[in-house]
Amino acid sequence: MNKFVVAAAFASTFALAAPAFADTNVFDSSATYVAQDIAAQGYNVLSVEQWGDLVVATVKDDAGHLTFKYFNPDTLTLVR
């Protein structure tokens, strides 16, 4: 019984963390690295994706609100 509980706990933990392991590209760069570069600017980045000719980051502010921030894909500077 104890082995089953440990296996189930491990499986559920891995299932929740699995999306973090799946990496996509954003303008030929790793989404993980793009998110890290934007986070280094002071944003709490939850995800990034390519949207048209911009990088869109989903960020959480200090109050817990989610917003979209749009960045230039070459410089990762805030566009709007």
Protein backbone atom coordinates (compact mmCIF):
# COMPACT_ATOMS: atom_id res chain seq x y z
CA MET A 1 0.00 0.00 0.00
CA ASN A 2 2.79 2.42 0.87
CA LYS A 3 4.49 1.87 -2.51
CA PHE A 4 1.23 2.70 -4.26
CA VAL A 5 0.87 6.00 -2.39
CA VAL A 6 4.45 7.00 -3.22
CA ALA A 7 4.01 6.04 -6.88
CA ALA A 8 0.73 7.93 -7.12
CA ALA A 9 2.23 11.03 -5.49
CA PHE A 10 5.20 10.93 -7.86
CA ALA A 11 2.98 10.44 -10.91
CA SER A 12 0.69 13.32 -9.99
CA THR A 13 3.65 15.62 -9.30
CA PHE A 14 5.23 14.74 -12.64
CA ALA A 15 1.92 15.26 -14.46
CA LEU A 16 1.64 18.77 -13.02
CA ALA A 17 5.24 19.62 -13.88
CA ALA A 18 5.16 18.11 -17.37
CA PRO A 19 4.08 21.33 -19.13
CA ALA A 20 7.17 23.05 -17.72
CA PHE A 21 9.35 20.49 -19.48
CA ALA A 22 7.67 20.97 -22.84
CA ASP A 23 9.50 23.82 -24.51
CA THR A 24 8.47 25.62 -27.65
CA ASN A 25 10.22 28.14 -29.81
CA VAL A 26 9.41 31.82 -29.98
CA PHE A 27 10.99 33.43 -33.04
CA ASP A 28 13.62 30.65 -33.23
CA SER A 29 14.54 31.03 -29.56
CA SER A 30 13.63 28.77 -26.68
CA ALA A 31 10.47 30.01 -24.94
CA THR A 32 12.16 29.25 -21.62
CA TYR A 33 15.05 31.59 -22.38
CA VAL A 34 12.74 34.30 -23.72
CA ALA A 35 10.69 34.09 -20.51
CA GLN A 36 13.87 34.31 -18.42
CA ASP A 37 15.06 37.38 -20.33
CA ILE A 38 11.72 39.13 -19.84
CA ALA A 39 11.64 38.10 -16.16
CA ALA A 40 15.09 39.68 -15.75
CA GLN A 41 13.39 42.99 -16.60
CA GLY A 42 11.28 42.63 -13.45
CA TYR A 43 8.17 40.88 -14.74
CA ASN A 44 6.61 37.80 -13.13
CA VAL A 45 6.32 35.81 -16.37
CA LEU A 46 3.96 32.86 -16.51
CA SER A 47 4.24 32.11 -20.24
CA VAL A 48 5.43 33.53 -23.54
CA GLU A 49 4.33 32.93 -27.09
CA GLN A 50 4.78 34.24 -30.58
CA TRP A 51 1.83 36.39 -31.63
CA GLY A 52 2.08 37.88 -35.10
CA ASP A 53 5.27 39.90 -35.16
CA LEU A 54 5.45 40.29 -31.36
CA VAL A 55 6.32 38.23 -28.31
CA VAL A 56 3.39 38.11 -25.89
CA ALA A 57 4.10 37.42 -22.24
CA THR A 58 1.44 36.55 -19.70
CA VAL A 59 2.55 38.26 -16.51
CA LYS A 60 1.19 38.44 -12.98
CA ASP A 61 1.36 41.75 -11.12
CA ASP A 62 1.78 42.24 -7.37
CA ALA A 63 -2.00 42.16 -6.84
CA GLY A 64 -2.23 38.80 -8.59
CA HIS A 65 -3.85 40.11 -11.77
CA LEU A 66 -2.86 38.52 -15.07
CA THR A 67 -2.06 40.80 -17.99
CA PHE A 68 -0.50 40.52 -21.43
CA LYS A 69 2.66 42.44 -22.21
CA TYR A 70 3.86 42.78 -25.80
CA PHE A 71 7.57 42.79 -26.61
CA ASN A 72 9.74 43.38 -29.65
CA PRO A 73 11.09 39.94 -30.67
CA ASP A 74 14.61 41.24 -31.43
CA THR A 75 15.26 43.40 -28.38
CA LEU A 76 12.59 42.15 -25.95
CA THR A 77 11.73 45.74 -25.14
CA LEU A 78 8.17 46.53 -24.10
CA VAL A 79 6.07 47.66 -27.06
CA ARG A 80 2.70 48.07 -25.37
